[in-house]
């Protein structure tokens, strides 16, 4: 499946669940034909319940609905939650579900990490926000800082094509994550110009598009001449990305990284800090966001290029998971994203001084050496990890007398 730059798009940056969830619900309420959703996490909290209620109302109007969730991120969905949707014909697919081993989820690699919503092939959403309450500020100190983008215009055709191929593998000529779509996929998708932004839908899969997102990052970093600002939750990029970030700072680009200061997973902060000295000694500014966990995956270069999506700059996202980003060339969007990120820098981040990193470097140097060689060779090693063919299964609810009383997971079966 090939994707192309599309002109004439209208883009709205959405920050956190407070902006994202109402926009999605509004689009669902206006749906006439079809709703396609892919998400890594769907929880049975107030956000998941609100989404379920909106989808049920749409299904009752006759809208076709397919939801795809990841078998690792959404492993605990129950029949009580699923049944009201499946009973109305909503199809809920699970990507690569696996039985727990010793109470632990074992499907760690090659996960469906994309976050996509497409409504009637006319409006789409892409970003890093899952359907869970921890993307709302009232969740407390663990509430995540994140971003998404609402899209209208010709690039929605490409997003729709991929989302439809996900749930229609039997009608494609290749594996579903890189397949061609059934002929009528875009029958009612007009691709009409809605704005002035130029955009490209970019995916990472384990078939035809293994390095596409990383390559776009690399090109943007190499082309940067004035400023480079990256906000990324799990920062442990490949050796090529690290080298180009350092080279950009060396040639006079103001390079600023916003990384986790209050991480939801401490190992992410520990890993990123192994790279600080390598970057900072050539002038890269590193700021840690300390108000709450950072979950964003956004970046901008100079005054036109920017990206929003699901891909972290870490080995899982760049070498294993299924991801998607929107790459944008638009001055207005770039300026708006810069304003939002600069607000974080001014009020909720602390800049890490080089002197602090130099202190104690003697014990970190061996770990940093290991990290660099790990990053240099990880893409090759990733190809040696279990290369099973992940399956998409359709959730079916077991027949029980009182479904609300059971906490067991829905019974999945392979898609026909």
Protein backbone atom coordinates (compact mmCIF):
# COMPACT_ATOMS: atom_id res chain seq x y z
CA UNK A 1 0.00 0.00 0.00
CA UNK A 2 1.53 3.29 -1.13
CA UNK A 3 0.83 6.71 0.34
CA UNK A 4 1.38 10.12 -1.23
CA UNK A 5 1.57 13.76 -0.22
CA UNK A 6 -1.91 15.30 -0.34
CA UNK A 7 -2.69 19.01 -0.62
CA UNK A 8 -5.82 20.74 0.62
CA UNK A 9 -6.21 19.38 4.15
CA UNK A 10 -7.73 21.01 7.21
CA UNK A 11 -5.88 20.09 10.43
CA UNK A 12 -6.71 20.81 14.07
CA UNK A 13 -4.22 20.04 16.83
CA UNK A 14 -5.90 18.46 19.87
CA UNK A 15 -4.23 18.42 23.28
CA UNK A 16 -5.12 15.73 25.83
CA UNK A 17 -8.45 13.98 26.31
CA UNK A 18 -10.26 17.21 27.14
CA UNK A 19 -9.96 18.29 23.50
CA UNK A 20 -9.74 14.89 21.81
CA UNK A 21 -12.68 12.92 23.23
CA UNK A 22 -15.41 15.55 22.59
CA UNK A 23 -14.27 15.91 18.97
CA UNK A 24 -14.38 12.15 18.42
CA UNK A 25 -17.80 11.84 20.04
CA UNK A 26 -19.13 14.70 17.92
CA UNK A 27 -17.89 12.98 14.74
CA UNK A 28 -19.49 9.71 15.84
CA UNK A 29 -22.82 11.46 16.47
CA UNK A 30 -22.72 12.80 12.90
CA UNK A 31 -21.75 9.46 11.31
CA UNK A 32 -24.00 8.27 8.49
CA UNK A 33 -22.29 5.25 6.95
CA UNK A 34 -19.21 3.90 8.72
CA UNK A 35 -16.96 4.22 11.77
CA UNK A 36 -13.51 2.63 11.89
CA UNK A 37 -11.47 2.72 15.11
CA UNK A 38 -8.02 1.34 15.92
CA UNK A 39 -6.60 1.78 19.41
CA UNK A 40 -3.89 0.23 21.52
CA UNK A 41 -5.90 0.62 24.74
CA UNK A 42 -9.63 0.55 25.36
CA UNK A 43 -10.41 0.46 29.06
CA UNK A 44 -13.72 -0.08 30.80
CA UNK A 45 -13.54 3.23 32.63
CA UNK A 46 -15.59 6.39 32.12
CA UNK A 47 -13.86 7.13 28.81
CA UNK A 48 -14.45 3.62 27.48
CA UNK A 49 -18.04 3.68 28.67
CA UNK A 50 -18.67 7.02 26.96
CA UNK A 51 -17.21 5.71 23.70
CA UNK A 52 -19.32 2.57 23.95
CA UNK A 53 -22.49 4.61 24.50
CA UNK A 54 -21.74 6.81 21.49
CA UNK A 55 -21.07 3.78 19.28
CA UNK A 56 -24.22 2.01 20.42
CA UNK A 57 -26.29 5.05 19.51
CA UNK A 58 -24.60 5.16 16.08
CA UNK A 59 -25.19 1.43 15.52
CA UNK A 60 -28.87 1.89 16.33
CA UNK A 61 -29.00 4.39 13.44
CA UNK A 62 -27.60 1.73 11.11
CA UNK A 63 -23.95 2.88 10.98
CA UNK A 64 -21.42 0.12 10.23
CA UNK A 65 -18.79 0.00 12.97
CA UNK A 66 -15.49 -1.86 13.29
CA UNK A 67 -13.24 -1.46 16.34
CA UNK A 68 -9.76 -2.99 16.48
CA UNK A 69 -7.91 -3.20 19.80
CA UNK A 70 -4.53 -4.65 20.70
CA UNK A 71 -4.35 -8.01 22.45
CA UNK A 72 -1.76 -6.69 24.91
CA UNK A 73 -3.06 -3.20 25.60
CA UNK A 74 -6.74 -4.17 25.78
CA UNK A 75 -6.45 -7.70 27.12
CA UNK A 76 -8.99 -7.29 29.92
CA UNK A 77 -12.19 -6.43 28.05
CA UNK A 78 -15.10 -8.32 29.60
CA UNK A 79 -18.30 -9.80 28.14
CA UNK A 80 -20.36 -7.32 30.14
CA UNK A 81 -18.64 -4.47 28.30
CA UNK A 82 -18.51 -6.05 24.86
CA UNK A 83 -21.96 -7.67 24.62
CA UNK A 84 -24.08 -4.48 24.29
CA UNK A 85 -22.02 -3.59 21.22
CA UNK A 86 -21.70 -6.98 19.55
CA UNK A 87 -25.43 -7.62 20.04
CA UNK A 88 -26.07 -4.61 17.78
CA UNK A 89 -23.67 -5.84 15.10
CA UNK A 90 -20.63 -3.79 16.09
CA UNK A 91 -17.57 -5.82 15.16
CA UNK A 92 -14.80 -5.78 17.77
CA UNK A 93 -11.50 -7.22 16.57
CA UNK A 94 -8.51 -8.04 18.76
CA UNK A 95 -5.01 -7.96 17.33
CA UNK A 96 -2.91 -10.94 18.38
CA UNK A 97 -4.63 -12.02 21.62
CA UNK A 98 -2.59 -14.42 23.73
CA UNK A 99 -3.26 -16.42 26.84
CA UNK A 100 -1.44 -15.21 29.93
CA UNK A 101 1.52 -17.17 31.21
CA UNK A 102 1.90 -17.19 34.99
CA UNK A 103 -0.55 -14.31 35.08
CA UNK A 104 1.54 -12.18 32.71
CA UNK A 105 0.78 -10.92 29.23
CA UNK A 106 3.42 -12.37 26.91
CA UNK A 107 2.61 -10.71 23.55
CA UNK A 108 5.13 -7.91 24.09
CA UNK A 109 6.34 -7.51 20.53
CA UNK A 110 4.78 -6.49 17.21
CA UNK A 111 1.82 -4.81 18.87
CA UNK A 112 -0.91 -2.76 17.21
CA UNK A 113 0.05 0.62 18.67
CA UNK A 114 -1.81 2.84 16.19
CA UNK A 115 -4.56 5.22 17.28
CA UNK A 116 -6.91 5.92 14.37
CA UNK A 117 -10.54 6.99 14.05
CA UNK A 118 -12.16 7.42 10.63
CA UNK A 119 -15.79 8.48 10.24
CA UNK A 120 -17.56 8.18 6.89
CA UNK A 121 -14.21 8.47 5.14
CA UNK A 122 -14.49 12.24 5.65
CA UNK A 123 -12.94 13.00 9.03
CA UNK A 124 -10.07 11.19 10.73
CA UNK A 125 -8.10 11.39 13.96
CA UNK A 126 -4.49 10.31 14.53
CA UNK A 127 -2.27 10.68 17.57
CA UNK A 128 -1.08 9.11 20.77
CA UNK A 129 -4.29 9.26 22.83
CA UNK A 130 -5.88 5.98 23.88
CA UNK A 131 -9.47 5.52 25.03
CA UNK A 132 -8.73 5.55 28.74
CA UNK A 133 -9.38 7.94 31.63
CA UNK A 134 -5.68 8.54 32.27
CA UNK A 135 -5.73 10.99 29.35
CA UNK A 136 -7.94 13.37 31.37
CA UNK A 137 -6.61 15.87 33.86
CA UNK A 138 -8.99 14.77 36.62
CA UNK A 139 -7.29 11.36 36.66
CA UNK A 140 -4.76 12.89 39.01
CA UNK A 141 -0.94 12.96 39.06
CA UNK A 142 -0.81 10.04 36.62
CA UNK A 143 -2.80 11.86 33.92
CA UNK A 144 -0.88 11.83 30.62
CA UNK A 145 0.17 14.79 28.48
CA UNK A 146 -0.53 13.92 24.85
CA UNK A 147 -1.58 15.13 21.40
CA UNK A 148 -3.68 14.16 18.40
CA UNK A 149 -4.78 15.78 15.17
CA UNK A 150 -8.22 15.98 13.55
CA UNK A 151 -8.04 15.74 9.77
CA UNK A 152 -10.40 16.62 6.94
CA UNK A 153 -9.40 16.53 3.29
CA UNK A 154 -7.74 14.30 0.70
CA UNK A 155 -5.27 12.57 3.07
CA UNK A 156 -8.26 10.98 4.85
CA UNK A 157 -8.56 8.72 1.80
CA UNK A 158 -5.23 7.08 2.68
CA UNK A 159 -6.08 6.75 6.37
CA UNK A 160 -9.44 5.22 5.49
CA UNK A 161 -7.82 2.78 3.10
CA UNK A 162 -5.48 1.44 5.78
CA UNK A 163 -8.15 1.30 8.49
CA UNK A 164 -10.49 -0.61 6.19
CA UNK A 165 -7.74 -3.02 5.15
CA UNK A 166 -7.16 -3.83 8.82
CA UNK A 167 -10.62 -5.35 9.20
CA UNK A 168 -10.98 -6.78 5.69
CA UNK A 169 -7.88 -8.97 5.26
CA UNK A 170 -9.68 -11.62 3.29
CA UNK A 171 -10.39 -9.09 0.53
CA UNK A 172 -6.80 -7.95 0.06
CA UNK A 173 -4.02 -9.38 -2.04
CA UNK A 174 -1.35 -9.09 0.66
CA UNK A 175 -1.16 -9.47 4.43
CA UNK A 176 -3.60 -7.14 6.14
CA UNK A 177 -1.08 -4.62 7.53
CA UNK A 178 0.18 -3.83 4.04
CA UNK A 179 -2.68 -5.03 1.89
CA UNK A 180 -4.63 -3.60 -0.97
CA UNK A 181 -8.19 -2.64 -0.21
CA UNK A 182 -11.33 -4.09 -1.73
CA UNK A 183 -12.35 -2.12 -4.85
CA UNK A 184 -15.25 -0.21 -3.31
CA UNK A 185 -13.28 0.97 -0.26
CA UNK A 186 -13.33 4.60 -1.32
CA UNK A 187 -16.69 4.56 -3.06
CA UNK A 188 -18.05 7.40 -0.94
CA UNK A 189 -14.73 9.01 0.01
CA UNK A 190 -14.45 12.18 -2.03
CA UNK A 191 -11.03 13.50 -1.00
CA UNK A 192 -12.41 17.02 -1.42
CA UNK A 193 -10.09 19.87 -0.48
CA UNK A 194 -10.98 21.28 2.96
CA UNK A 195 -8.00 23.48 3.80
CA UNK A 196 -4.48 24.52 2.85
CA UNK A 197 -2.21 22.04 4.64
CA UNK A 198 -0.08 19.50 2.82
CA UNK A 199 0.04 16.14 4.60
CA UNK A 200 1.37 12.61 4.23
CA UNK A 201 0.07 9.55 6.06
CA UNK A 202 3.04 7.42 7.14
CA UNK A 203 2.92 3.94 8.67
CA UNK A 204 5.39 1.47 10.15
CA UNK A 205 4.60 -2.19 9.71
CA UNK A 206 6.50 -5.48 9.51
CA UNK A 207 6.08 -5.82 5.77
CA UNK A 208 6.54 -3.03 3.21
CA UNK A 209 6.97 -0.02 5.50
CA UNK A 210 9.47 -1.10 8.14
CA UNK A 211 11.42 2.18 8.34
CA UNK A 212 9.13 4.82 6.86
CA UNK A 213 8.48 6.84 10.03
CA UNK A 214 12.15 6.81 11.03
CA UNK A 215 13.19 7.89 7.53
CA UNK A 216 10.87 10.91 7.65
CA UNK A 217 12.31 11.91 11.01
CA UNK A 218 15.84 11.55 9.63
CA UNK A 219 15.09 13.67 6.58
CA UNK A 220 13.47 16.43 8.62
CA UNK A 221 16.41 16.52 11.06
CA UNK A 222 18.94 16.63 8.22
CA UNK A 223 17.03 19.44 6.48
CA UNK A 224 16.59 21.57 9.62
CA UNK A 225 18.40 24.91 9.48
CA UNK A 226 16.91 26.96 12.31
CA UNK A 227 15.03 24.98 14.98
CA UNK A 228 14.19 21.41 15.89
CA UNK A 229 11.79 20.61 18.72
CA UNK A 230 10.91 17.02 19.61
CA UNK A 231 8.54 15.95 22.41
CA UNK A 232 8.62 12.20 22.80
CA UNK A 233 7.58 10.04 25.72
CA UNK A 234 9.87 7.05 25.24
CA UNK A 235 13.11 8.41 23.83
CA UNK A 236 15.62 5.72 22.94
CA UNK A 237 15.98 6.18 19.18
CA UNK A 238 18.16 4.38 16.71
CA UNK A 239 21.79 5.32 16.34
CA UNK A 240 21.14 7.14 13.05
CA UNK A 241 18.55 9.43 14.65
CA UNK A 242 20.86 10.23 17.57
CA UNK A 243 23.71 11.05 15.24
CA UNK A 244 21.58 13.36 13.07
CA UNK A 245 20.18 15.18 16.13
CA UNK A 246 23.73 15.81 17.33
CA UNK A 247 24.85 16.88 13.85
CA UNK A 248 21.97 19.36 13.63
CA UNK A 249 23.09 21.02 16.86
CA UNK A 250 26.68 21.12 15.60
CA UNK A 251 25.70 23.06 12.49
CA UNK A 252 23.86 25.71 14.53
CA UNK A 253 20.27 24.43 14.69
CA UNK A 254 18.62 25.11 18.03
CA UNK A 255 17.70 21.58 19.08
CA UNK A 256 15.37 21.08 22.04
CA UNK A 257 14.06 17.78 23.34
CA UNK A 258 11.12 17.49 25.73
CA UNK A 259 11.40 14.14 27.52
CA UNK A 260 9.85 12.50 30.55
CA UNK A 261 10.61 13.89 33.98
CA UNK A 262 7.75 12.11 35.75
CA UNK A 263 7.55 8.88 33.74
CA UNK A 264 4.83 6.28 34.00
CA UNK A 265 7.59 3.70 33.47
CA UNK A 266 10.86 4.63 35.26
CA UNK A 267 12.96 2.54 32.89
CA UNK A 268 12.07 4.97 30.09
CA UNK A 269 13.67 7.86 31.98
CA UNK A 270 16.69 5.77 32.93
CA UNK A 271 17.29 4.71 29.32
CA UNK A 272 16.94 8.23 27.92
CA UNK A 273 19.40 9.63 30.47
CA UNK A 274 22.07 7.26 29.21
CA UNK A 275 22.03 9.33 26.02
CA UNK A 276 22.08 12.82 27.54
CA UNK A 277 25.85 13.35 27.59
CA UNK A 278 26.26 12.27 23.97
CA UNK A 279 23.69 14.86 22.87
CA UNK A 280 24.26 17.72 25.28
CA UNK A 281 28.01 18.03 24.77
CA UNK A 282 27.27 19.23 21.22
CA UNK A 283 24.62 21.74 22.28
CA UNK A 284 21.35 19.81 22.32
CA UNK A 285 19.00 21.25 24.97
CA UNK A 286 17.18 18.62 27.03
CA UNK A 287 14.10 19.56 29.04
CA UNK A 288 12.23 17.14 31.28
CA UNK A 289 8.47 17.60 31.58
CA UNK A 290 7.68 17.32 35.28
CA UNK A 291 4.01 18.19 35.72
CA UNK A 292 2.77 14.67 34.90
CA UNK A 293 3.73 11.74 32.65
CA UNK A 294 4.52 12.75 29.09
CA UNK A 295 2.88 10.51 26.50
CA UNK A 296 3.17 12.70 23.39
CA UNK A 297 4.85 11.77 20.11
CA UNK A 298 5.17 15.08 18.23
CA UNK A 299 7.95 17.07 16.57
CA UNK A 300 8.57 20.11 14.41
CA UNK A 301 11.48 21.33 12.28
CA UNK A 302 12.03 24.93 11.18
CA UNK A 303 8.76 26.70 10.33
CA UNK A 304 6.84 24.28 8.11
CA UNK A 305 7.50 20.58 8.92
CA UNK A 306 5.79 18.81 11.82
CA UNK A 307 4.47 15.40 12.78
CA UNK A 308 1.87 13.97 15.16
CA UNK A 309 1.26 10.28 15.68
CA UNK A 310 1.56 7.12 17.72
CA UNK A 311 5.24 6.35 17.15
CA UNK A 312 7.68 6.80 19.98
CA UNK A 313 11.36 7.18 19.21
CA UNK A 314 12.29 3.86 20.78
CA UNK A 315 13.12 0.34 19.53
CA UNK A 316 9.56 -0.99 19.93
CA UNK A 317 7.95 1.74 17.82
CA UNK A 318 10.73 2.05 15.24
CA UNK A 319 11.42 -1.65 14.70
CA UNK A 320 8.51 -3.82 15.89
CA UNK A 321 5.11 -2.22 16.49
CA UNK A 322 2.47 -1.19 13.97
CA UNK A 323 2.44 2.62 14.08
CA UNK A 324 1.19 5.61 12.12
CA UNK A 325 2.04 9.31 12.00
CA UNK A 326 0.81 12.25 10.02
CA UNK A 327 3.66 14.26 8.50
CA UNK A 328 2.65 17.85 7.81
CA UNK A 329 4.03 20.75 5.79
CA UNK A 330 2.10 23.81 6.88
CA UNK A 331 3.26 27.06 8.49
CA UNK A 332 0.09 27.56 10.52
CA UNK A 333 0.08 24.09 12.05
CA UNK A 334 3.81 24.28 12.75
CA UNK A 335 3.35 27.59 14.56
CA UNK A 336 0.42 26.30 16.60
CA UNK A 337 2.30 23.17 17.67
CA UNK A 338 5.33 25.28 18.56
CA UNK A 339 3.17 27.54 20.74
CA UNK A 340 1.74 24.56 22.63
CA UNK A 341 5.14 22.98 23.20
CA UNK A 342 6.75 26.27 24.15
CA UNK A 343 4.06 26.66 26.80
CA UNK A 344 5.19 23.35 28.29
CA UNK A 345 8.80 24.45 28.17
CA UNK A 346 8.11 27.72 29.93
CA UNK A 347 5.90 26.45 32.74
CA UNK A 348 6.20 22.69 33.26
CA UNK A 349 9.71 21.63 32.25
CA UNK A 350 13.15 21.82 33.84
CA UNK A 351 16.21 22.16 31.65
CA UNK A 352 18.93 19.62 32.43
CA UNK A 353 22.33 21.33 32.89
CA UNK A 354 25.35 19.71 31.29
CA UNK A 355 27.25 19.99 34.58
CA UNK A 356 24.75 17.69 36.22
CA UNK A 357 25.20 15.07 33.52
CA UNK A 358 28.99 15.24 33.66
CA UNK A 359 28.93 14.53 37.40
CA UNK A 360 28.93 10.79 37.87
CA UNK A 361 29.59 10.13 34.19
CA UNK A 362 32.36 7.72 35.12
CA UNK A 363 29.82 5.06 36.14
CA UNK A 364 27.35 5.87 33.36
CA UNK A 365 29.94 5.70 30.57
CA UNK A 366 30.01 1.87 30.34
CA UNK A 367 26.19 1.79 30.26
CA UNK A 368 26.12 4.49 27.59
CA UNK A 369 28.61 2.47 25.53
CA UNK A 370 26.32 -0.57 25.75
CA UNK A 371 23.29 1.57 24.86
CA UNK A 372 24.89 2.96 21.71
CA UNK A 373 25.89 -0.45 20.43
CA UNK A 374 22.44 -1.81 21.27
CA UNK A 375 20.83 1.00 19.26
CA UNK A 376 23.25 0.54 16.39
CA UNK A 377 22.35 -3.13 15.93
CA UNK A 378 18.77 -3.36 17.23
CA UNK A 379 17.06 -3.19 13.80
CA UNK A 380 18.98 -6.32 12.75
CA UNK A 381 18.31 -8.05 16.07
CA UNK A 382 14.61 -7.21 15.83
CA UNK A 383 14.37 -9.34 12.72
CA UNK A 384 15.50 -12.31 14.81
CA UNK A 385 12.67 -11.93 17.35
CA UNK A 386 9.65 -14.23 17.01
CA UNK A 387 8.31 -13.50 13.56
CA UNK A 388 4.90 -15.07 14.01
CA UNK A 389 2.06 -13.80 11.86
CA UNK A 390 -0.18 -11.85 14.26
CA UNK A 391 -3.83 -12.74 13.83
CA UNK A 392 -6.87 -10.52 13.94
CA UNK A 393 -9.69 -12.17 15.87
CA UNK A 394 -13.33 -11.22 16.24
CA UNK A 395 -14.63 -11.03 19.79
CA UNK A 396 -17.72 -13.07 20.57
CA UNK A 397 -19.50 -12.93 23.90
CA UNK A 398 -20.20 -16.29 25.57
CA UNK A 399 -23.86 -16.90 26.30
CA UNK A 400 -24.38 -16.46 30.04
CA UNK A 401 -27.52 -15.97 32.09
CA UNK A 402 -26.17 -12.87 33.80
CA UNK A 403 -23.39 -11.35 31.69
CA UNK A 404 -22.94 -8.44 34.08
CA UNK A 405 -21.78 -10.85 36.75
CA UNK A 406 -18.93 -12.40 34.80
CA UNK A 407 -15.46 -10.93 34.61
CA UNK A 408 -14.03 -13.39 32.10
CA UNK A 409 -12.67 -12.18 28.80
CA UNK A 410 -14.78 -12.43 25.64
CA UNK A 411 -14.08 -15.52 23.58
CA UNK A 412 -12.12 -14.55 20.46
CA UNK A 413 -12.33 -16.40 17.19
CA UNK A 414 -10.29 -15.91 14.04
CA UNK A 415 -11.79 -13.68 11.40
CA UNK A 416 -13.28 -15.66 8.53
